[in-house]
Amino acid sequence: MSTHAQRERLLLADLLEMVGPEAPTLCGGWRARDLAAHVVVRERRSDAAAGIVFKPLAARLERVQAEFAAKPFSELVQLIRTGPPRLSPYALKPVDEAANTVEFYVHTEDLRRAQPEWTPREPDSVFADALWSRLERTARLLGRRSPVGLVLRRPDGRTAVAHRGAPVVTVTGEPGELVLFGFGRQGVARVKTEGDEDALAKLREAKLGI
């Protein structure tokens, strides 16, 4: 049975193939080939991918990622589509599902929403619930740098506290949009924000996410 992560992996690969290597993304100055290289290195070069979290290794990560970005773009897309090598932890379905469902969803949207005239996706209810479940577990981590109290709320009223403090901003939206907001894509997330103007301004400029 296909998992959420597998489906998002294929959507990302298809979109990369469609827009081409020089398409813009929402990831800083990255182009599509840089985003593809990031995904491949994360799954296939754990020695370098550690630099994502451990800053002393960031220079090594940057060097290895640049090497992959220089490869033929079609090769990078195929590496994403086929998935990690057999001995990688990501090759285990439970690990892939836990680690990559949100990763691939966010990066697919990084690519989609950087293109002109993009339109929002509407994840089905099962996938929306899966995104919400992961957001509930990681909300405090994503919101740890928020300069204000931060509450994430679904339209049905379910909430997750991302940061305790005052004043409080409440962000309401569908789970996929809240995930994007929590991962620092405040400018493109289709959400409604409630709070005083000063708090809202601070949150718009905050560096949320991992």
Protein backbone atom coordinates (compact mmCIF):
# COMPACT_ATOMS: atom_id res chain seq x y z
CA MET A 1 0.00 0.00 0.00
CA SER A 2 1.28 3.45 -0.90
CA THR A 3 2.11 5.70 2.03
CA HIS A 4 1.69 9.45 2.32
CA ALA A 5 5.47 9.87 2.04
CA GLN A 6 5.65 7.78 -1.11
CA ARG A 7 2.87 9.75 -2.73
CA GLU A 8 4.48 13.08 -1.83
CA ARG A 9 7.84 11.80 -3.10
CA LEU A 10 6.34 11.09 -6.53
CA LEU A 11 4.51 14.41 -6.61
CA LEU A 12 7.76 16.23 -5.84
CA ALA A 13 9.67 14.30 -8.52
CA ASP A 14 6.95 14.96 -11.10
CA LEU A 15 6.89 18.66 -10.30
CA LEU A 16 10.67 18.98 -10.45
CA GLU A 17 10.62 17.30 -13.84
CA MET A 18 7.87 19.61 -15.06
CA VAL A 19 9.37 22.97 -13.97
CA GLY A 20 13.01 22.21 -14.79
CA PRO A 21 16.31 22.77 -12.96
CA GLU A 22 16.33 26.57 -12.97
CA ALA A 23 12.82 27.10 -11.59
CA PRO A 24 12.67 29.29 -8.46
CA THR A 25 11.75 27.93 -5.03
CA LEU A 26 10.82 29.44 -1.69
CA CYS A 27 14.07 28.16 -0.14
CA GLY A 28 16.25 31.25 -0.05
CA GLY A 29 18.31 31.47 -3.22
CA TRP A 30 17.82 27.85 -4.19
CA ARG A 31 16.70 26.86 -7.64
CA ALA A 32 14.93 23.58 -8.34
CA ARG A 33 18.25 21.76 -8.85
CA ASP A 34 19.45 22.92 -5.41
CA LEU A 35 16.25 21.70 -3.78
CA ALA A 36 16.58 18.35 -5.54
CA ALA A 37 20.19 18.05 -4.41
CA HIS A 38 19.14 18.78 -0.82
CA VAL A 39 16.56 15.98 -0.88
CA VAL A 40 19.02 13.48 -2.36
CA VAL A 41 21.84 14.34 0.06
CA ARG A 42 19.48 14.12 3.04
CA GLU A 43 18.53 10.56 2.10
CA ARG A 44 21.78 9.24 0.65
CA ARG A 45 24.63 11.03 2.41
CA SER A 46 24.01 10.92 6.14
CA ASP A 47 27.64 11.93 6.75
CA ALA A 48 26.91 15.29 5.11
CA ALA A 49 23.20 15.61 5.97
CA ALA A 50 24.11 15.90 9.64
CA GLY A 51 25.08 19.48 8.79
CA ILE A 52 21.38 20.32 8.52
CA VAL A 53 21.19 20.10 12.31
CA PHE A 54 24.80 20.41 13.51
CA LYS A 55 26.17 23.76 12.37
CA PRO A 56 29.88 22.76 12.64
CA LEU A 57 29.18 20.33 9.78
CA ALA A 58 27.32 22.87 7.66
CA ALA A 59 30.32 23.61 5.43
CA ARG A 60 30.66 19.93 4.54
CA LEU A 61 26.94 19.73 3.81
CA GLU A 62 27.16 22.76 1.53
CA ARG A 63 30.11 21.28 -0.36
CA VAL A 64 28.50 17.87 -0.87
CA GLN A 65 25.17 19.41 -1.82
CA ALA A 66 26.90 21.57 -4.44
CA GLU A 67 28.52 18.44 -5.88
CA PHE A 68 25.12 16.80 -6.24
CA ALA A 69 23.55 19.95 -7.68
CA ALA A 70 26.15 19.81 -10.46
CA LYS A 71 24.92 16.37 -11.56
CA PRO A 72 22.48 16.06 -14.48
CA PHE A 73 19.09 17.22 -13.26
CA SER A 74 17.33 14.16 -14.66
CA GLU A 75 19.61 11.98 -12.52
CA LEU A 76 18.69 13.89 -9.37
CA VAL A 77 14.98 13.60 -10.12
CA GLN A 78 15.32 9.87 -10.72
CA LEU A 79 17.18 9.43 -7.41
CA ILE A 80 14.29 11.14 -5.63
CA ARG A 81 11.68 9.11 -7.50
CA THR A 82 13.31 5.75 -6.79
CA GLY A 83 13.99 6.55 -3.15
CA PRO A 84 16.93 5.87 -0.84
CA PRO A 85 19.28 2.87 -1.09
CA ARG A 86 18.18 -0.38 0.54
CA LEU A 87 20.45 -0.02 3.57
CA SER A 88 19.32 3.52 4.36
CA PRO A 89 17.00 3.97 7.38
CA TYR A 90 14.71 5.91 5.03
CA ALA A 91 14.17 2.69 3.07
CA LEU A 92 12.07 1.42 5.99
CA LYS A 93 8.45 2.40 5.41
CA PRO A 94 7.77 3.50 9.01
CA VAL A 95 10.88 5.71 9.00
CA ASP A 96 10.08 7.07 5.55
CA GLU A 97 6.53 7.89 6.60
CA ALA A 98 7.58 9.57 9.85
CA ALA A 99 10.50 11.53 8.43
CA ASN A 100 9.42 12.36 4.90
CA THR A 101 5.67 12.98 4.81
CA VAL A 102 5.97 16.59 5.95
CA GLU A 103 9.42 17.05 4.39
CA PHE A 104 8.20 16.23 0.90
CA TYR A 105 4.91 18.07 1.32
CA VAL A 106 6.68 21.29 2.35
CA HIS A 107 9.28 21.06 -0.41
CA THR A 108 6.64 20.34 -3.05
CA GLU A 109 4.86 23.49 -1.94
CA ASP A 110 8.19 25.38 -1.88
CA LEU A 111 8.39 24.62 -5.57
CA ARG A 112 4.71 25.04 -6.48
CA ARG A 113 4.17 28.33 -4.67
CA ALA A 114 7.27 29.94 -6.13
CA GLN A 115 5.85 29.60 -9.64
CA PRO A 116 3.68 32.30 -11.23
CA GLU A 117 -0.08 31.86 -10.95
CA TRP A 118 0.12 28.93 -8.55
CA THR A 119 -3.07 27.59 -7.06
CA PRO A 120 -3.46 26.00 -3.61
CA ARG A 121 -3.73 22.25 -3.22
CA GLU A 122 -6.54 20.79 -1.21
CA PRO A 123 -5.25 17.65 0.54
CA ASP A 124 -7.88 14.98 1.14
CA SER A 125 -9.19 14.58 4.69
CA VAL A 126 -7.01 11.54 5.47
CA PHE A 127 -3.83 13.32 4.44
CA ALA A 128 -4.94 16.51 6.22
CA ASP A 129 -5.36 14.54 9.43
CA ALA A 130 -1.92 12.97 8.95
CA LEU A 131 -0.37 16.42 8.56
CA TRP A 132 -2.23 17.67 11.63
CA SER A 133 -1.05 14.72 13.71
CA ARG A 134 2.57 15.52 12.87
CA LEU A 135 2.02 19.21 13.45
CA GLU A 136 0.61 18.55 16.92
CA ARG A 137 3.74 16.60 17.84
CA THR A 138 6.20 19.18 16.49
CA ALA A 139 4.37 22.46 17.17
CA ARG A 140 6.57 23.44 20.14
CA LEU A 141 9.72 22.78 18.13
CA LEU A 142 8.50 24.77 15.13
CA GLY A 143 7.37 27.70 17.25
CA ARG A 144 10.27 27.85 19.70
CA ARG A 145 11.65 31.05 18.15
CA SER A 146 8.30 32.83 17.97
CA PRO A 147 8.53 36.30 19.56
CA VAL A 148 4.89 36.05 20.69
CA GLY A 149 2.52 33.42 22.02
CA LEU A 150 1.43 31.25 19.10
CA VAL A 151 -1.63 29.02 18.77
CA LEU A 152 -2.35 27.01 15.62
CA ARG A 153 -6.02 26.23 15.06
CA ARG A 154 -7.93 24.13 12.54
CA PRO A 155 -11.29 25.43 11.26
CA ASP A 156 -13.03 22.77 13.39
CA GLY A 157 -11.54 24.31 16.54
CA ARG A 158 -8.77 21.83 17.34
CA THR A 159 -5.65 23.66 18.48
CA ALA A 160 -1.94 23.16 19.05
CA VAL A 161 0.11 25.53 21.17
CA ALA A 162 3.34 26.30 19.34
CA HIS A 163 4.69 28.87 21.81
CA ARG A 164 3.56 30.02 25.22
CA GLY A 165 3.70 33.73 25.93
CA ALA A 166 1.89 37.02 25.60
CA PRO A 167 0.54 38.63 23.58
CA VAL A 168 -0.97 35.66 21.75
CA VAL A 169 -1.50 35.29 18.02
CA THR A 170 -3.94 32.64 16.81
CA VAL A 171 -3.37 31.28 13.32
CA THR A 172 -6.32 29.46 11.75
CA GLY A 173 -6.18 27.35 8.63
CA GLU A 174 -6.29 23.89 7.14
CA PRO A 175 -3.55 21.53 8.40
CA GLY A 176 -1.43 21.80 5.27
CA GLU A 177 -1.46 25.59 5.46
CA LEU A 178 -0.62 25.53 9.16
CA VAL A 179 2.29 23.19 8.44
CA LEU A 180 3.65 25.67 5.92
CA PHE A 181 3.19 28.52 8.37
CA GLY A 182 4.96 26.58 11.11
CA PHE A 183 7.85 25.79 8.78
CA GLY A 184 8.49 29.47 8.15
CA ARG A 185 6.46 29.96 4.97
CA GLN A 186 4.28 32.64 6.57
CA GLY A 187 4.12 34.69 3.39
CA VAL A 188 2.44 32.01 1.28
CA ALA A 189 0.37 30.08 3.83
CA ARG A 190 -3.37 30.57 3.34
CA VAL A 191 -4.30 31.27 6.95
CA LYS A 192 -6.16 33.80 9.07
CA THR A 193 -4.23 35.48 11.87
CA GLU A 194 -5.76 37.09 14.96
CA GLY A 195 -3.93 39.27 17.47
CA ASP A 196 -2.80 42.83 18.02
CA GLU A 197 -1.01 44.53 15.15
CA ASP A 198 2.39 44.69 16.82
CA ALA A 199 2.33 40.98 17.61
CA LEU A 200 1.22 40.14 14.08
CA ALA A 201 4.05 42.20 12.60
CA LYS A 202 6.63 40.46 14.79
CA LEU A 203 5.30 37.03 13.85
CA ARG A 204 5.40 37.80 10.13
CA GLU A 205 9.14 38.49 10.43
CA ALA A 206 9.93 35.59 12.78
CA LYS A 207 12.08 32.66 11.70
CA LEU A 208 9.80 29.77 12.51
CA GLY A 209 10.56 26.14 11.80
CA ILE A 210 13.32 23.65 12.42
